[in-house]
Each structure stands twice: as structure tokens, then as C-alpha cells.
Amino acid sequence: MRSPMRRKTETKRDAILNAATLEFTERGYEGASISAIVGRLGASKQTLYRYFPSKDELFVEVMARIIDRHVTTPREDLEDTADVPGSLQRHGERYLKIRLSPEMVSLARLVFGESGRSDVSRLLHPRGKLKVAKDIGRFLTAAMEEGRLRVADPAVAALHYLALLDAELFEPVVLRVREPAANDEIAAAVDRAVDAFLAGYGREGKHA
């Protein structure tokens, strides 16, 4: 059981992150300020800095919390190695719907905008896409060991699979080249991505 002091600490930390989330999503990284965040919070800078020593670290934690809320792969999506195409299709549709959700698209725009100006992208990358890639890599490892996919580096194969999922829709939506994608468009794009993936990683270029 958590102690009252620990609960109080966690409550304060969550309150800081909630205020910072509003500030960063409304104003972007550059436009956001610690003063505005503590103003929203009704606290002092000293209180905030006890939890988060810098604006970079606060921003990364805000973004990581949004990612953690969305990217956890449901176990059932990647359990059935007897049906590799079906498992990849189910996972891919869930992943891409989340990836193209308004909150995640806003996050991508913030991170891309900050890339090269600070350590934010470097700190955030392991907690986002690489975390998803590890889940997929474990599934692909099992499928390869069972002979359902050709033997290859599962970590690289997982990155190829994610790249194929992103290929048609992610960049155009993030860059506002097109409108957000409908569910039927996402399903069709995932189907083509899975076909392309299995053409490369299926045994003899065929579906598992």
C-alpha cells in the first residue's frame, strides 16, 4: 500500500504534468514557459524544479506519458504466431489508428519541430517507437523460430514493418498535406503494408 506521502508526491507530479501538457500542446515547446506552467498550476518554480530539473526533461516526460498511454501493445494482438498475417493486420490497424489520432499527430509535430534544437528527440525515441518495435520483435522472433517467417534479424524486421505501416499516411497527415485518414483507408493501407512485409520476410516471399 502506498504511503500518504507517496500519494501526495504522485498527485503533485501528475498535477505538474497536466498543467505542462496543456501549455506545451497549446503553445508548442518554444512558446511554452515554466512561468506559465506554474501559473496554471498555482505553485512555485521551486516546487516544479524539485520534480523536473529542466524544461527539456519536463517536456520529455509530458510526451512520454502521452505515448505510454497509447503505444502499449495488447498481448492478444501479437500472440497468434499460427496466423502471422492476421496478427500483423490486427496490430497494424490498432497501431496506425493510434499513430494518426489527433493527440499523437500533435505530438509528432511537436517532436519534429524540436528535433535538432535540443535533446528531446533523443530522450524520447526509446520510449516511443523503439518500445513498440521491441514488442513486434518478440513476436517476429517466435514466428521465425517456428518457421513461419524466414530467419532474419527480428529487430530490423520490426523496424521495416513499422516503416511500411507509416509509408502511405503518416507523413502526409502530420505535414497537413491531406486530411486525417478514415478507418477504411487505414485498414487498406495496413493490408498493403502486411503484403509488402510478407513478400520480404515470408518463406520464399510468400505469406506465412
N, C-alpha and C. Protein backbone atom coordinates (compact mmCIF):
# COMPACT_ATOMS: atom_id res chain seq x y z
N MET A 1 0.84 -1.20 0.00
CA MET A 1 0.00 0.00 0.00
C MET A 1 0.88 1.26 0.00
N ARG A 2 0.51 2.22 -0.83
CA ARG A 2 1.29 3.45 -0.91
C ARG A 2 1.06 4.31 0.32
N SER A 3 2.13 4.94 0.80
CA SER A 3 2.02 5.82 1.97
C SER A 3 1.34 7.12 1.57
N PRO A 4 0.74 7.84 2.56
CA PRO A 4 0.12 9.14 2.25
C PRO A 4 1.10 10.11 1.61
N MET A 5 2.37 10.09 2.05
CA MET A 5 3.38 10.99 1.48
C MET A 5 3.64 10.65 0.02
N ARG A 6 3.72 9.34 -0.29
CA ARG A 6 3.95 8.95 -1.69
C ARG A 6 2.77 9.33 -2.56
N ARG A 7 1.56 9.14 -2.04
CA ARG A 7 0.37 9.52 -2.82
C ARG A 7 0.36 11.02 -3.07
N LYS A 8 0.75 11.80 -2.07
CA LYS A 8 0.79 13.26 -2.22
C LYS A 8 1.82 13.65 -3.28
N THR A 9 2.98 12.98 -3.24
CA THR A 9 4.03 13.26 -4.21
C THR A 9 3.56 12.93 -5.63
N GLU A 10 2.93 11.77 -5.79
CA GLU A 10 2.43 11.38 -7.11
C GLU A 10 1.33 12.30 -7.61
N THR A 11 0.48 12.76 -6.68
CA THR A 11 -0.59 13.69 -7.05
C THR A 11 -0.01 15.01 -7.54
N LYS A 12 1.00 15.51 -6.83
CA LYS A 12 1.64 16.77 -7.23
C LYS A 12 2.34 16.61 -8.59
N ARG A 13 3.01 15.48 -8.77
CA ARG A 13 3.72 15.24 -10.03
C ARG A 13 2.71 15.19 -11.19
N ASP A 14 1.59 14.50 -10.99
CA ASP A 14 0.56 14.43 -12.03
C ASP A 14 -0.01 15.81 -12.33
N ALA A 15 -0.18 16.62 -11.30
CA ALA A 15 -0.72 17.96 -11.50
C ALA A 15 0.23 18.81 -12.34
N ILE A 16 1.53 18.68 -12.08
CA ILE A 16 2.53 19.40 -12.88
C ILE A 16 2.47 18.94 -14.33
N LEU A 17 2.40 17.64 -14.54
CA LEU A 17 2.36 17.11 -15.91
C LEU A 17 1.09 17.52 -16.63
N ASN A 18 -0.04 17.57 -15.92
CA ASN A 18 -1.29 18.00 -16.54
C ASN A 18 -1.20 19.46 -16.99
N ALA A 19 -0.66 20.31 -16.13
CA ALA A 19 -0.51 21.72 -16.48
C ALA A 19 0.47 21.91 -17.63
N ALA A 20 1.57 21.14 -17.59
CA ALA A 20 2.57 21.24 -18.64
C ALA A 20 2.03 20.73 -19.98
N THR A 21 1.22 19.68 -19.94
CA THR A 21 0.62 19.15 -21.16
C THR A 21 -0.23 20.21 -21.86
N LEU A 22 -1.03 20.91 -21.09
CA LEU A 22 -1.86 21.98 -21.67
C LEU A 22 -0.99 23.08 -22.28
N GLU A 23 0.04 23.46 -21.56
CA GLU A 23 0.92 24.54 -22.03
C GLU A 23 1.66 24.15 -23.31
N PHE A 24 2.25 22.96 -23.32
CA PHE A 24 3.02 22.53 -24.49
C PHE A 24 2.14 22.29 -25.71
N THR A 25 0.98 21.68 -25.51
CA THR A 25 0.12 21.40 -26.66
C THR A 25 -0.52 22.67 -27.22
N GLU A 26 -0.74 23.66 -26.37
CA GLU A 26 -1.33 24.92 -26.84
C GLU A 26 -0.30 25.85 -27.46
N ARG A 27 0.91 25.87 -26.92
CA ARG A 27 1.91 26.86 -27.33
C ARG A 27 3.14 26.27 -28.02
N GLY A 28 3.26 24.93 -28.03
CA GLY A 28 4.46 24.34 -28.58
C GLY A 28 5.61 24.43 -27.59
N TYR A 29 6.72 23.78 -27.92
CA TYR A 29 7.85 23.78 -26.99
C TYR A 29 8.44 25.17 -26.82
N GLU A 30 8.71 25.85 -27.93
CA GLU A 30 9.35 27.16 -27.86
C GLU A 30 8.46 28.20 -27.17
N GLY A 31 7.16 28.14 -27.46
CA GLY A 31 6.26 29.13 -26.89
C GLY A 31 5.91 28.90 -25.44
N ALA A 32 6.07 27.67 -24.98
CA ALA A 32 5.74 27.35 -23.59
C ALA A 32 6.80 27.90 -22.64
N SER A 33 6.38 28.24 -21.45
CA SER A 33 7.33 28.73 -20.45
C SER A 33 7.05 28.10 -19.09
N ILE A 34 8.09 27.97 -18.32
CA ILE A 34 7.94 27.44 -16.96
C ILE A 34 7.04 28.36 -16.13
N SER A 35 7.17 29.66 -16.33
CA SER A 35 6.34 30.61 -15.59
C SER A 35 4.86 30.38 -15.86
N ALA A 36 4.53 30.14 -17.14
CA ALA A 36 3.13 29.90 -17.50
C ALA A 36 2.63 28.59 -16.91
N ILE A 37 3.50 27.58 -16.88
CA ILE A 37 3.11 26.29 -16.33
C ILE A 37 2.83 26.40 -14.83
N VAL A 38 3.71 27.05 -14.10
CA VAL A 38 3.46 27.19 -12.65
C VAL A 38 2.27 28.10 -12.40
N GLY A 39 2.01 29.04 -13.34
CA GLY A 39 0.81 29.87 -13.22
C GLY A 39 -0.45 29.03 -13.35
N ARG A 40 -0.46 28.11 -14.29
CA ARG A 40 -1.59 27.20 -14.44
C ARG A 40 -1.73 26.32 -13.19
N LEU A 41 -0.59 25.96 -12.63
CA LEU A 41 -0.56 25.03 -11.51
C LEU A 41 -0.91 25.70 -10.19
N GLY A 42 -0.62 27.01 -10.10
CA GLY A 42 -0.81 27.69 -8.82
C GLY A 42 0.24 27.30 -7.81
N ALA A 43 1.47 27.08 -8.30
CA ALA A 43 2.57 26.68 -7.42
C ALA A 43 3.78 27.56 -7.72
N SER A 44 4.93 27.18 -7.21
CA SER A 44 6.15 27.96 -7.43
C SER A 44 7.09 27.22 -8.36
N LYS A 45 8.03 27.96 -8.95
CA LYS A 45 9.04 27.32 -9.79
C LYS A 45 9.87 26.34 -8.98
N GLN A 46 10.14 26.67 -7.74
CA GLN A 46 10.93 25.78 -6.90
C GLN A 46 10.25 24.42 -6.75
N THR A 47 8.94 24.44 -6.61
CA THR A 47 8.19 23.18 -6.49
C THR A 47 8.34 22.37 -7.77
N LEU A 48 8.16 23.03 -8.91
CA LEU A 48 8.26 22.32 -10.19
C LEU A 48 9.65 21.75 -10.38
N TYR A 49 10.68 22.54 -10.09
CA TYR A 49 12.05 22.08 -10.33
C TYR A 49 12.46 20.95 -9.39
N ARG A 50 11.76 20.76 -8.28
CA ARG A 50 12.04 19.62 -7.42
C ARG A 50 11.67 18.31 -8.12
N TYR A 51 10.69 18.38 -9.01
CA TYR A 51 10.24 17.20 -9.74
C TYR A 51 10.91 17.08 -11.10
N PHE A 52 11.11 18.20 -11.77
CA PHE A 52 11.66 18.20 -13.12
C PHE A 52 12.71 19.31 -13.21
N PRO A 53 14.00 18.94 -13.26
CA PRO A 53 15.08 19.94 -13.19
C PRO A 53 15.18 20.90 -14.37
N SER A 54 14.58 20.56 -15.51
CA SER A 54 14.70 21.44 -16.68
C SER A 54 13.45 21.37 -17.53
N LYS A 55 13.31 22.34 -18.41
CA LYS A 55 12.19 22.37 -19.34
C LYS A 55 12.25 21.17 -20.28
N ASP A 56 13.47 20.80 -20.74
CA ASP A 56 13.63 19.64 -21.62
C ASP A 56 13.08 18.38 -20.95
N GLU A 57 13.48 18.15 -19.70
CA GLU A 57 13.07 16.93 -19.01
C GLU A 57 11.56 16.92 -18.75
N LEU A 58 11.01 18.07 -18.48
CA LEU A 58 9.56 18.16 -18.28
C LEU A 58 8.83 17.86 -19.59
N PHE A 59 9.32 18.43 -20.68
CA PHE A 59 8.69 18.20 -21.99
C PHE A 59 8.75 16.72 -22.36
N VAL A 60 9.91 16.09 -22.17
CA VAL A 60 10.07 14.68 -22.48
C VAL A 60 9.10 13.84 -21.66
N GLU A 61 8.94 14.16 -20.38
CA GLU A 61 8.05 13.38 -19.53
C GLU A 61 6.59 13.56 -19.95
N VAL A 62 6.23 14.77 -20.36
CA VAL A 62 4.87 15.00 -20.86
C VAL A 62 4.62 14.16 -22.11
N MET A 63 5.56 14.21 -23.05
CA MET A 63 5.40 13.47 -24.29
C MET A 63 5.42 11.95 -24.04
N ALA A 64 6.31 11.50 -23.14
CA ALA A 64 6.39 10.07 -22.83
C ALA A 64 5.10 9.58 -22.19
N ARG A 65 4.48 10.41 -21.37
CA ARG A 65 3.23 10.00 -20.73
C ARG A 65 2.13 9.82 -21.78
N ILE A 66 2.09 10.72 -22.76
CA ILE A 66 1.11 10.58 -23.84
C ILE A 66 1.37 9.30 -24.62
N ILE A 67 2.63 9.03 -24.93
CA ILE A 67 2.99 7.83 -25.68
C ILE A 67 2.64 6.58 -24.88
N ASP A 68 3.01 6.54 -23.59
CA ASP A 68 2.75 5.37 -22.76
C ASP A 68 1.26 5.07 -22.69
N ARG A 69 0.46 6.11 -22.74
CA ARG A 69 -0.99 5.94 -22.67
C ARG A 69 -1.52 5.24 -23.91
N HIS A 70 -0.77 5.35 -25.02
CA HIS A 70 -1.29 4.87 -26.30
C HIS A 70 -0.57 3.66 -26.89
N VAL A 71 0.75 3.56 -26.68
CA VAL A 71 1.52 2.62 -27.51
C VAL A 71 1.63 1.21 -26.96
N THR A 72 1.21 0.97 -25.73
CA THR A 72 1.32 -0.38 -25.19
C THR A 72 0.58 -1.36 -26.09
N THR A 73 1.28 -2.38 -26.54
CA THR A 73 0.69 -3.35 -27.46
C THR A 73 -0.13 -4.38 -26.69
N PRO A 74 -1.45 -4.47 -26.95
CA PRO A 74 -2.25 -5.51 -26.28
C PRO A 74 -1.68 -6.89 -26.58
N ARG A 75 -1.53 -7.71 -25.56
CA ARG A 75 -0.90 -9.01 -25.72
C ARG A 75 -1.57 -9.85 -26.81
N GLU A 76 -2.91 -9.78 -26.86
CA GLU A 76 -3.62 -10.64 -27.80
C GLU A 76 -3.34 -10.28 -29.26
N ASP A 77 -2.89 -9.04 -29.52
CA ASP A 77 -2.61 -8.63 -30.90
C ASP A 77 -1.45 -9.42 -31.50
N LEU A 78 -0.48 -9.75 -30.66
CA LEU A 78 0.73 -10.40 -31.17
C LEU A 78 1.00 -11.71 -30.44
N GLU A 79 -0.04 -12.53 -30.30
CA GLU A 79 0.11 -13.83 -29.65
C GLU A 79 0.02 -14.99 -30.64
N ASP A 80 -0.79 -14.82 -31.68
CA ASP A 80 -1.10 -15.94 -32.57
C ASP A 80 -0.08 -16.06 -33.69
N THR A 81 1.00 -16.79 -33.43
CA THR A 81 2.02 -16.97 -34.47
C THR A 81 1.57 -17.96 -35.53
N ALA A 82 0.47 -18.69 -35.28
CA ALA A 82 -0.06 -19.58 -36.31
C ALA A 82 -0.74 -18.80 -37.44
N ASP A 83 -1.07 -17.54 -37.17
CA ASP A 83 -1.70 -16.67 -38.18
C ASP A 83 -0.93 -15.36 -38.22
N VAL A 84 0.26 -15.41 -38.80
CA VAL A 84 1.12 -14.21 -38.84
C VAL A 84 0.45 -13.06 -39.59
N PRO A 85 -0.11 -13.28 -40.79
CA PRO A 85 -0.76 -12.15 -41.48
C PRO A 85 -1.89 -11.53 -40.68
N GLY A 86 -2.74 -12.38 -40.07
CA GLY A 86 -3.85 -11.85 -39.28
C GLY A 86 -3.39 -11.07 -38.08
N SER A 87 -2.36 -11.58 -37.38
CA SER A 87 -1.83 -10.89 -36.20
C SER A 87 -1.23 -9.54 -36.58
N LEU A 88 -0.46 -9.52 -37.67
CA LEU A 88 0.14 -8.26 -38.12
C LEU A 88 -0.93 -7.27 -38.57
N GLN A 89 -1.97 -7.77 -39.22
CA GLN A 89 -3.05 -6.89 -39.67
C GLN A 89 -3.76 -6.27 -38.47
N ARG A 90 -4.11 -7.08 -37.46
CA ARG A 90 -4.80 -6.56 -36.28
C ARG A 90 -3.93 -5.55 -35.55
N HIS A 91 -2.66 -5.91 -35.35
CA HIS A 91 -1.76 -4.98 -34.67
C HIS A 91 -1.58 -3.71 -35.48
N GLY A 92 -1.38 -3.86 -36.79
CA GLY A 92 -1.13 -2.71 -37.65
C GLY A 92 -2.28 -1.72 -37.66
N GLU A 93 -3.50 -2.23 -37.71
CA GLU A 93 -4.65 -1.32 -37.71
C GLU A 93 -4.75 -0.57 -36.39
N ARG A 94 -4.56 -1.28 -35.28
CA ARG A 94 -4.62 -0.60 -33.98
C ARG A 94 -3.50 0.45 -33.87
N TYR A 95 -2.29 0.05 -34.27
CA TYR A 95 -1.14 0.94 -34.19
C TYR A 95 -1.35 2.20 -35.04
N LEU A 96 -1.79 2.01 -36.28
CA LEU A 96 -1.90 3.16 -37.18
C LEU A 96 -3.05 4.08 -36.79
N LYS A 97 -4.14 3.53 -36.27
CA LYS A 97 -5.22 4.39 -35.79
C LYS A 97 -4.74 5.27 -34.65
N ILE A 98 -3.95 4.69 -33.75
CA ILE A 98 -3.39 5.47 -32.65
C ILE A 98 -2.38 6.48 -33.18
N ARG A 99 -1.52 6.03 -34.06
CA ARG A 99 -0.46 6.87 -34.64
C ARG A 99 -1.05 8.10 -35.33
N LEU A 100 -2.24 7.94 -35.93
CA LEU A 100 -2.88 9.01 -36.69
C LEU A 100 -3.97 9.72 -35.89
N SER A 101 -4.07 9.42 -34.60
CA SER A 101 -5.05 10.12 -33.76
C SER A 101 -4.61 11.57 -33.58
N PRO A 102 -5.56 12.48 -33.35
CA PRO A 102 -5.19 13.91 -33.21
C PRO A 102 -4.11 14.16 -32.16
N GLU A 103 -4.20 13.47 -31.02
CA GLU A 103 -3.21 13.69 -29.96
C GLU A 103 -1.83 13.25 -30.38
N MET A 104 -1.73 12.09 -31.04
CA MET A 104 -0.42 11.60 -31.45
C MET A 104 0.15 12.39 -32.63
N VAL A 105 -0.71 12.85 -33.51
CA VAL A 105 -0.24 13.70 -34.62
C VAL A 105 0.30 15.02 -34.07
N SER A 106 -0.39 15.59 -33.10
CA SER A 106 0.11 16.81 -32.46
C SER A 106 1.45 16.56 -31.79
N LEU A 107 1.60 15.42 -31.14
CA LEU A 107 2.87 15.06 -30.52
C LEU A 107 3.97 14.97 -31.56
N ALA A 108 3.70 14.30 -32.67
CA ALA A 108 4.72 14.15 -33.72
C ALA A 108 5.16 15.52 -34.24
N ARG A 109 4.21 16.42 -34.44
CA ARG A 109 4.56 17.76 -34.92
C ARG A 109 5.45 18.50 -33.92
N LEU A 110 5.13 18.35 -32.63
CA LEU A 110 5.95 19.00 -31.60
C LEU A 110 7.37 18.43 -31.59
N VAL A 111 7.47 17.11 -31.65
CA VAL A 111 8.79 16.47 -31.58
C VAL A 111 9.61 16.79 -32.83
N PHE A 112 8.98 16.72 -34.01
CA PHE A 112 9.70 17.06 -35.24
C PHE A 112 10.17 18.51 -35.21
N GLY A 113 9.31 19.38 -34.70
CA GLY A 113 9.67 20.80 -34.63
C GLY A 113 10.84 21.06 -33.71
N GLU A 114 10.98 20.23 -32.68
CA GLU A 114 12.05 20.42 -31.71
C GLU A 114 13.32 19.67 -32.09
N SER A 115 13.22 18.74 -33.03
CA SER A 115 14.36 17.93 -33.42
C SER A 115 15.52 18.79 -33.89
N GLY A 116 16.70 18.50 -33.37
CA GLY A 116 17.90 19.24 -33.76
C GLY A 116 18.17 20.46 -32.90
N ARG A 117 17.18 20.87 -32.09
CA ARG A 117 17.39 22.05 -31.25
C ARG A 117 17.68 21.69 -29.80
N SER A 118 17.38 20.45 -29.42
CA SER A 118 17.59 20.03 -28.04
C SER A 118 17.73 18.52 -28.00
N ASP A 119 17.80 17.97 -26.79
CA ASP A 119 17.92 16.52 -26.63
C ASP A 119 16.58 15.82 -26.57
N VAL A 120 15.50 16.55 -26.81
CA VAL A 120 14.16 15.99 -26.64
C VAL A 120 13.95 14.74 -27.48
N SER A 121 14.26 14.79 -28.78
CA SER A 121 14.03 13.65 -29.66
C SER A 121 14.85 12.44 -29.22
N ARG A 122 16.11 12.68 -28.87
CA ARG A 122 16.98 11.57 -28.44
C ARG A 122 16.46 10.92 -27.17
N LEU A 123 15.97 11.72 -26.23
CA LEU A 123 15.47 11.19 -24.96
C LEU A 123 14.14 10.47 -25.14
N LEU A 124 13.35 10.92 -26.09
CA LEU A 124 12.00 10.38 -26.26
C LEU A 124 11.96 9.12 -27.12
N HIS A 125 12.89 9.01 -28.06
CA HIS A 125 12.83 7.91 -29.03
C HIS A 125 12.75 6.52 -28.40
N PRO A 126 13.57 6.22 -27.37
CA PRO A 126 13.50 4.87 -26.78
C PRO A 126 12.16 4.57 -26.11
N ARG A 127 11.42 5.61 -25.74
CA ARG A 127 10.16 5.38 -25.03
C ARG A 127 8.97 5.36 -25.97
N GLY A 128 9.21 5.57 -27.25
CA GLY A 128 8.14 5.59 -28.23
C GLY A 128 8.26 4.45 -29.22
N LYS A 129 8.74 4.78 -30.40
CA LYS A 129 8.76 3.79 -31.49
C LYS A 129 9.61 2.57 -31.16
N LEU A 130 10.74 2.77 -30.48
CA LEU A 130 11.59 1.63 -30.16
C LEU A 130 10.92 0.67 -29.20
N LYS A 131 10.07 1.21 -28.33
CA LYS A 131 9.32 0.36 -27.39
C LYS A 131 8.35 -0.53 -28.17
N VAL A 132 7.65 0.04 -29.14
CA VAL A 132 6.74 -0.74 -29.98
C VAL A 132 7.53 -1.77 -30.79
N ALA A 133 8.68 -1.36 -31.32
CA ALA A 133 9.49 -2.26 -32.13
C ALA A 133 9.94 -3.48 -31.34
N LYS A 134 10.22 -3.31 -30.05
CA LYS A 134 10.64 -4.44 -29.23
C LYS A 134 9.50 -5.45 -29.08
N ASP A 135 8.27 -4.95 -28.89
CA ASP A 135 7.12 -5.86 -28.80
C ASP A 135 6.96 -6.66 -30.09
N ILE A 136 7.06 -5.97 -31.22
CA ILE A 136 6.92 -6.64 -32.51
C ILE A 136 8.07 -7.62 -32.73
N GLY A 137 9.27 -7.21 -32.33
CA GLY A 137 10.44 -8.07 -32.50
C GLY A 137 10.30 -9.40 -31.78
N ARG A 138 9.69 -9.38 -30.59
CA ARG A 138 9.49 -10.64 -29.86
C ARG A 138 8.53 -11.56 -30.63
N PHE A 139 7.48 -10.98 -31.19
CA PHE A 139 6.54 -11.77 -31.98
C PHE A 139 7.22 -12.34 -33.22
N LEU A 140 7.97 -11.51 -33.92
CA LEU A 140 8.65 -11.97 -35.13
C LEU A 140 9.69 -13.05 -34.82
N THR A 141 10.37 -12.92 -33.69
CA THR A 141 11.34 -13.94 -33.28
C THR A 141 10.65 -15.30 -33.15
N ALA A 142 9.50 -15.31 -32.46
CA ALA A 142 8.76 -16.56 -32.29
C ALA A 142 8.31 -17.12 -33.64
N ALA A 143 7.82 -16.25 -34.52
CA ALA A 143 7.36 -16.71 -35.84
C ALA A 143 8.52 -17.27 -36.66
N MET A 144 9.69 -16.65 -36.55
CA MET A 144 10.87 -17.16 -37.26
C MET A 144 11.31 -18.51 -36.70
N GLU A 145 11.29 -18.63 -35.39
CA GLU A 145 11.70 -19.90 -34.76
C GLU A 145 10.76 -21.04 -35.13
N GLU A 146 9.49 -20.72 -35.38
CA GLU A 146 8.52 -21.73 -35.77
C GLU A 146 8.52 -22.00 -37.28
N GLY A 147 9.37 -21.28 -38.01
CA GLY A 147 9.47 -21.49 -39.45
C GLY A 147 8.37 -20.82 -40.25
N ARG A 148 7.67 -19.87 -39.64
CA ARG A 148 6.57 -19.20 -40.34
C ARG A 148 7.05 -17.96 -41.10
N LEU A 149 8.23 -17.49 -40.75
CA LEU A 149 8.89 -16.41 -41.48
C LEU A 149 10.32 -16.84 -41.73
N ARG A 150 10.94 -16.27 -42.75
CA ARG A 150 12.35 -16.60 -42.99
C ARG A 150 13.18 -16.02 -41.85
N VAL A 151 14.28 -16.66 -41.56
CA VAL A 151 15.13 -16.22 -40.46
C VAL A 151 15.87 -14.94 -40.86
N ALA A 152 15.76 -13.94 -40.01
CA ALA A 152 16.41 -12.65 -40.25
C ALA A 152 16.57 -11.97 -38.88
N ASP A 153 17.14 -10.80 -38.87
CA ASP A 153 17.27 -10.03 -37.63
C ASP A 153 15.89 -9.49 -37.26
N PRO A 154 15.27 -9.98 -36.18
CA PRO A 154 13.91 -9.56 -35.86
C PRO A 154 13.80 -8.08 -35.51
N ALA A 155 14.87 -7.50 -34.95
CA ALA A 155 14.84 -6.08 -34.61
C ALA A 155 14.75 -5.22 -35.86
N VAL A 156 15.52 -5.60 -36.88
CA VAL A 156 15.48 -4.88 -38.16
C VAL A 156 14.14 -5.12 -38.85
N ALA A 157 13.67 -6.36 -38.82
CA ALA A 157 12.39 -6.69 -39.45
C ALA A 157 11.26 -5.89 -38.81
N ALA A 158 11.29 -5.71 -37.50
CA ALA A 158 10.26 -4.93 -36.81
C ALA A 158 10.26 -3.48 -37.29
N LEU A 159 11.45 -2.92 -37.47
CA LEU A 159 11.54 -1.54 -37.96
C LEU A 159 11.04 -1.44 -39.40
N HIS A 160 11.32 -2.45 -40.22
CA HIS A 160 10.80 -2.45 -41.59
C HIS A 160 9.27 -2.50 -41.59
N TYR A 161 8.71 -3.33 -40.73
CA TYR A 161 7.25 -3.44 -40.62
C TYR A 161 6.64 -2.09 -40.22
N LEU A 162 7.22 -1.43 -39.22
CA LEU A 162 6.69 -0.13 -38.78
C LEU A 162 6.83 0.92 -39.88
N ALA A 163 7.94 0.87 -40.62
CA ALA A 163 8.13 1.82 -41.72
C ALA A 163 7.07 1.62 -42.80
N LEU A 164 6.73 0.37 -43.08
CA LEU A 164 5.69 0.10 -44.07
C LEU A 164 4.32 0.58 -43.60
N LEU A 165 4.05 0.45 -42.31
CA LEU A 165 2.78 0.95 -41.78
C LEU A 165 2.67 2.47 -41.95
N ASP A 166 3.78 3.15 -41.75
CA ASP A 166 3.79 4.62 -41.84
C ASP A 166 3.80 5.13 -43.28
N ALA A 167 4.19 4.27 -44.21
CA ALA A 167 4.58 4.72 -45.55
C ALA A 167 3.54 5.56 -46.28
N GLU A 168 2.29 5.18 -46.23
CA GLU A 168 1.27 5.85 -47.06
C GLU A 168 0.63 7.07 -46.42
N LEU A 169 0.41 7.01 -45.10
CA LEU A 169 -0.47 8.00 -44.48
C LEU A 169 0.19 8.92 -43.45
N PHE A 170 1.17 8.42 -42.74
CA PHE A 170 1.66 9.16 -41.57
C PHE A 170 2.23 10.54 -41.93
N GLU A 171 3.20 10.57 -42.81
CA GLU A 171 3.84 11.85 -43.15
C GLU A 171 2.85 12.84 -43.77
N PRO A 172 2.02 12.44 -44.75
CA PRO A 172 1.06 13.39 -45.31
C PRO A 172 0.09 13.98 -44.28
N VAL A 173 -0.33 13.14 -43.31
CA VAL A 173 -1.24 13.66 -42.27
C VAL A 173 -0.50 14.62 -41.34
N VAL A 174 0.69 14.23 -40.90
CA VAL A 174 1.46 15.08 -39.98
C VAL A 174 1.82 16.41 -40.63
N LEU A 175 2.15 16.38 -41.91
CA LEU A 175 2.54 17.60 -42.62
C LEU A 175 1.35 18.38 -43.18
N ARG A 176 0.14 17.91 -42.84
CA ARG A 176 -1.10 18.57 -43.29
C ARG A 176 -1.22 18.61 -44.82
N VAL A 177 -0.61 17.62 -45.49
CA VAL A 177 -0.75 17.52 -46.93
C VAL A 177 -2.13 16.98 -47.29
N ARG A 178 -2.71 16.22 -46.39
CA ARG A 178 -4.02 15.64 -46.62
C ARG A 178 -4.81 15.67 -45.30
N GLU A 179 -6.10 15.36 -45.43
CA GLU A 179 -6.97 15.29 -44.26
C GLU A 179 -6.68 14.02 -43.46
N PRO A 180 -7.10 13.97 -42.20
CA PRO A 180 -6.94 12.73 -41.42
C PRO A 180 -7.55 11.53 -42.13
N ALA A 181 -6.97 10.35 -41.91
CA ALA A 181 -7.40 9.14 -42.62
C ALA A 181 -8.60 8.50 -41.94
N ALA A 182 -9.53 8.00 -42.76
CA ALA A 182 -10.68 7.25 -42.25
C ALA A 182 -10.26 5.82 -41.94
N ASN A 183 -11.07 5.12 -41.14
CA ASN A 183 -10.73 3.76 -40.72
C ASN A 183 -10.58 2.80 -41.90
N ASP A 184 -11.40 2.96 -42.93
CA ASP A 184 -11.28 2.04 -44.07
C ASP A 184 -9.99 2.29 -44.84
N GLU A 185 -9.54 3.54 -44.90
CA GLU A 185 -8.26 3.85 -45.54
C GLU A 185 -7.11 3.23 -44.76
N ILE A 186 -7.21 3.32 -43.43
CA ILE A 186 -6.16 2.75 -42.58
C ILE A 186 -6.09 1.24 -42.76
N ALA A 187 -7.24 0.58 -42.75
CA ALA A 187 -7.27 -0.88 -42.92
C ALA A 187 -6.66 -1.29 -44.25
N ALA A 188 -6.98 -0.56 -45.31
CA ALA A 188 -6.45 -0.88 -46.63
C ALA A 188 -4.94 -0.65 -46.69
N ALA A 189 -4.47 0.44 -46.08
CA ALA A 189 -3.04 0.73 -46.07
C ALA A 189 -2.28 -0.33 -45.28
N VAL A 190 -2.84 -0.77 -44.17
CA VAL A 190 -2.20 -1.82 -43.37
C VAL A 190 -2.15 -3.13 -44.15
N ASP A 191 -3.22 -3.45 -44.86
CA ASP A 191 -3.25 -4.68 -45.67
C ASP A 191 -2.13 -4.67 -46.69
N ARG A 192 -1.92 -3.53 -47.35
CA ARG A 192 -0.84 -3.43 -48.34
C ARG A 192 0.53 -3.50 -47.65
N ALA A 193 0.64 -2.91 -46.46
CA ALA A 193 1.91 -2.95 -45.73
C ALA A 193 2.25 -4.38 -45.31
N VAL A 194 1.26 -5.11 -44.82
CA VAL A 194 1.48 -6.50 -44.42
C VAL A 194 1.87 -7.35 -45.63
N ASP A 195 1.20 -7.14 -46.77
CA ASP A 195 1.56 -7.86 -48.00
C ASP A 195 3.03 -7.61 -48.37
N ALA A 196 3.43 -6.34 -48.32
CA ALA A 196 4.81 -5.99 -48.68
C ALA A 196 5.80 -6.61 -47.68
N PHE A 197 5.44 -6.58 -46.40
CA PHE A 197 6.32 -7.15 -45.37
C PHE A 197 6.50 -8.65 -45.59
N LEU A 198 5.40 -9.35 -45.85
CA LEU A 198 5.47 -10.80 -46.03
C LEU A 198 6.14 -11.19 -47.35
N ALA A 199 6.08 -10.29 -48.33
CA ALA A 199 6.80 -10.55 -49.58
C ALA A 199 8.31 -10.58 -49.31
N GLY A 200 8.74 -9.80 -48.32
CA GLY A 200 10.17 -9.77 -47.99
C GLY A 200 10.57 -10.77 -46.92
N TYR A 201 9.69 -11.02 -45.96
CA TYR A 201 10.06 -11.85 -44.82
C TYR A 201 9.32 -13.19 -44.75
N GLY A 202 8.29 -13.38 -45.60
CA GLY A 202 7.65 -14.68 -45.65
C GLY A 202 8.59 -15.71 -46.23
N ARG A 203 8.39 -16.96 -45.95
CA ARG A 203 9.24 -18.01 -46.51
C ARG A 203 9.09 -18.00 -48.04
N GLU A 204 10.22 -17.85 -48.72
CA GLU A 204 10.26 -17.80 -50.17
C GLU A 204 9.38 -16.69 -50.73
N GLY A 205 9.26 -15.58 -49.94
CA GLY A 205 8.49 -14.44 -50.41
C GLY A 205 7.01 -14.66 -50.42
N LYS A 206 6.52 -15.66 -49.65
CA LYS A 206 5.09 -15.95 -49.63
C LYS A 206 4.53 -15.67 -48.24
N HIS A 207 3.21 -15.53 -48.17
CA HIS A 207 2.55 -15.35 -46.88
C HIS A 207 2.87 -16.54 -45.97
N ALA A 208 2.93 -16.23 -44.66
CA ALA A 208 3.17 -17.31 -43.71
C ALA A 208 2.01 -18.27 -43.71
